[in-house]
């Protein structure tokens, strides 16, 4: 299936969080780690070790809250975060603009990996978790046909989802 796909979205902190969870183990496992620490803390409380149990519960809350707070801080501090992204993808490249502030064209060869999450696509410009990522939420697409055409372009030009 050839042809271009046009899409647009206004980024949200949840998009950034989704991208980070897909690439950075600390973000991916933080919630589970907090649950395990909280469960262990409850056991400590039930066995009469109040100070250790309360400390553990406090640590679990900090771990659980730290990730979404950090994502919101990073999002609000980014100069282009609030701008609407307009994009076009075709057999040659992915082109994105944020108003008049930023324009980029990414040939497919510059995207070594991508992931599909429950919220959207995460495009990586470098292998590993350290490189820049683009989070393209499903809501960016007009319908499932456009979303599927974009997925098809990714599979054909970048390869299967990581």
Protein backbone atom coordinates (compact mmCIF):
# COMPACT_ATOMS: atom_id res chain seq x y z
CA UNK A 1 0.00 0.00 0.00
CA UNK A 2 1.63 3.28 -1.07
CA UNK A 3 0.70 6.88 -0.62
CA UNK A 4 1.17 9.44 2.07
CA UNK A 5 -0.46 9.73 5.46
CA UNK A 6 -1.23 13.12 7.00
CA UNK A 7 -1.81 13.46 10.72
CA UNK A 8 -1.68 16.03 13.52
CA UNK A 9 -1.84 16.20 17.28
CA UNK A 10 -1.28 18.40 20.27
CA UNK A 11 1.24 16.71 22.57
CA UNK A 12 0.25 15.82 26.12
CA UNK A 13 2.43 14.77 29.07
CA UNK A 14 0.95 11.26 28.82
CA UNK A 15 2.45 10.92 25.32
CA UNK A 16 5.91 11.64 26.70
CA UNK A 17 5.34 9.26 29.59
CA UNK A 18 4.30 6.55 27.16
CA UNK A 19 7.48 7.04 25.14
CA UNK A 20 9.66 6.95 28.24
CA UNK A 21 7.96 3.80 29.56
CA UNK A 22 8.58 2.07 26.24
CA UNK A 23 12.31 2.84 26.18
CA UNK A 24 13.64 3.48 29.68
CA UNK A 25 13.52 0.57 32.15
CA UNK A 26 13.40 2.91 35.17
CA UNK A 27 10.18 4.46 33.89
CA UNK A 28 8.75 1.13 32.74
CA UNK A 29 9.21 -0.67 36.04
CA UNK A 30 8.77 2.16 38.56
CA UNK A 31 5.10 1.42 39.26
CA UNK A 32 5.74 -2.29 39.76
CA UNK A 33 8.70 -1.54 42.01
CA UNK A 34 6.49 0.77 44.10
CA UNK A 35 3.85 -1.97 44.41
CA UNK A 36 6.42 -4.53 45.57
CA UNK A 37 7.91 -2.10 48.11
CA UNK A 38 4.41 -1.23 49.36
CA UNK A 39 3.51 -4.92 49.72
CA UNK A 40 6.70 -5.58 51.66
CA UNK A 41 5.97 -2.57 53.83
CA UNK A 42 2.50 -3.85 54.65
CA UNK A 43 4.07 -7.14 55.73
CA UNK A 44 6.46 -5.20 57.98
CA UNK A 45 3.55 -3.27 59.48
CA UNK A 46 1.61 -6.49 60.12
CA UNK A 47 4.61 -7.99 61.89
CA UNK A 48 4.88 -4.99 64.21
CA UNK A 49 7.80 -3.22 62.55
CA UNK A 50 6.01 0.09 62.35
CA UNK A 51 8.92 2.43 61.60
CA UNK A 52 10.30 0.27 58.78
CA UNK A 53 6.81 -0.33 57.39
CA UNK A 54 5.94 3.38 57.34
CA UNK A 55 9.30 4.23 55.81
CA UNK A 56 8.70 1.62 53.08
CA UNK A 57 5.21 2.95 52.36
CA UNK A 58 6.61 6.47 52.10
CA UNK A 59 9.33 5.27 49.72
CA UNK A 60 6.73 3.45 47.60
CA UNK A 61 4.65 6.62 47.31
CA UNK A 62 7.71 8.65 46.30
CA UNK A 63 8.67 6.12 43.62
CA UNK A 64 5.10 5.95 42.29
CA UNK A 65 4.69 9.73 42.14
CA UNK A 66 8.18 10.63 40.96
CA UNK A 67 7.80 9.36 37.38
CA UNK A 68 4.60 11.23 36.44
CA UNK A 69 5.85 14.38 38.19
CA UNK A 70 9.16 14.21 36.31
CA UNK A 71 7.35 13.73 33.00
CA UNK A 72 5.14 16.78 33.67
CA UNK A 73 8.14 18.91 34.65
CA UNK A 74 10.06 17.90 31.52
CA UNK A 75 6.99 18.45 29.34
CA UNK A 76 6.19 21.90 30.72
CA UNK A 77 9.84 22.94 30.41
CA UNK A 78 10.13 21.99 26.75
CA UNK A 79 9.74 24.98 24.42
CA UNK A 80 7.83 23.07 21.72
CA UNK A 81 5.72 20.84 23.95
CA UNK A 82 2.53 22.87 23.69
CA UNK A 83 2.63 23.28 19.91
CA UNK A 84 0.43 21.32 17.55
CA UNK A 85 2.45 18.90 15.45
CA UNK A 86 1.52 18.46 11.80
CA UNK A 87 3.08 15.49 10.05
CA UNK A 88 3.18 13.67 6.73
CA UNK A 89 4.68 10.25 6.13
CA UNK A 90 5.29 8.65 2.75
CA UNK A 91 7.66 6.14 1.15
CA UNK A 92 10.56 8.60 1.42
CA UNK A 93 10.41 10.08 4.91
CA UNK A 94 8.49 11.41 7.87
CA UNK A 95 8.09 15.20 7.93
CA UNK A 96 6.91 17.07 11.01
CA UNK A 97 6.34 20.72 11.80
CA UNK A 98 5.42 22.58 14.96
CA UNK A 99 3.93 25.81 13.62
CA UNK A 100 6.72 28.03 12.34
CA UNK A 101 8.99 27.10 15.26
CA UNK A 102 10.40 23.78 14.08
CA UNK A 103 10.50 21.62 11.00
CA UNK A 104 12.16 18.26 10.60
CA UNK A 105 12.40 15.61 7.95
CA UNK A 106 13.43 12.13 9.01
CA UNK A 107 14.35 9.75 6.23
CA UNK A 108 13.28 6.25 7.23
CA UNK A 109 16.95 5.23 7.42
CA UNK A 110 17.32 7.61 10.40
CA UNK A 111 14.70 5.71 12.39
CA UNK A 112 16.35 2.47 13.51
CA UNK A 113 13.48 1.32 15.71
CA UNK A 114 9.88 1.89 16.65
CA UNK A 115 7.48 0.52 19.22
CA UNK A 116 3.72 0.39 19.37
CA UNK A 117 2.20 0.98 22.79
CA UNK A 118 -1.41 1.03 23.93
CA UNK A 119 -1.47 4.82 23.32
CA UNK A 120 0.49 5.19 20.08
CA UNK A 121 3.75 4.79 18.23
CA UNK A 122 7.17 5.62 19.67
CA UNK A 123 9.78 6.36 17.01
CA UNK A 124 13.45 6.19 18.01
CA UNK A 125 16.16 8.10 16.19
CA UNK A 126 18.96 6.09 17.84
CA UNK A 127 19.18 2.55 19.09
CA UNK A 128 18.81 2.28 22.85
CA UNK A 129 17.05 4.45 25.37
CA UNK A 130 19.29 7.53 25.26
CA UNK A 131 18.44 8.85 21.82
CA UNK A 132 15.65 11.25 20.95
CA UNK A 133 12.19 9.74 20.55
CA UNK A 134 9.00 10.90 18.94
CA UNK A 135 5.69 9.87 20.48
CA UNK A 136 2.89 9.78 17.90
CA UNK A 137 -0.39 9.10 19.71
CA UNK A 138 -3.19 7.18 18.02
CA UNK A 139 -5.42 10.25 18.35
CA UNK A 140 -3.19 11.97 15.74
CA UNK A 141 -4.79 9.92 13.00
CA UNK A 142 -8.12 10.72 11.43
CA UNK A 143 -9.20 7.07 11.52
CA UNK A 144 -7.95 3.50 11.78
CA UNK A 145 -7.23 3.41 8.04
CA UNK A 146 -4.72 6.27 8.37
CA UNK A 147 -3.20 4.68 11.49
CA UNK A 148 -2.82 1.35 9.68
CA UNK A 149 -1.21 3.06 6.65
CA UNK A 150 1.32 4.70 8.98
CA UNK A 151 2.04 1.36 10.68
CA UNK A 152 2.50 -0.20 7.24
CA UNK A 153 5.04 2.49 6.31
CA UNK A 154 6.93 1.83 9.53
CA UNK A 155 7.02 -1.93 8.96
CA UNK A 156 8.13 -1.58 5.32
CA UNK A 157 10.81 1.06 5.88
CA UNK A 158 12.03 0.52 9.44
CA UNK A 159 11.11 -3.09 10.15
CA UNK A 160 8.87 -4.81 12.68
CA UNK A 161 8.10 -3.12 15.98
CA UNK A 162 10.77 -3.58 18.64
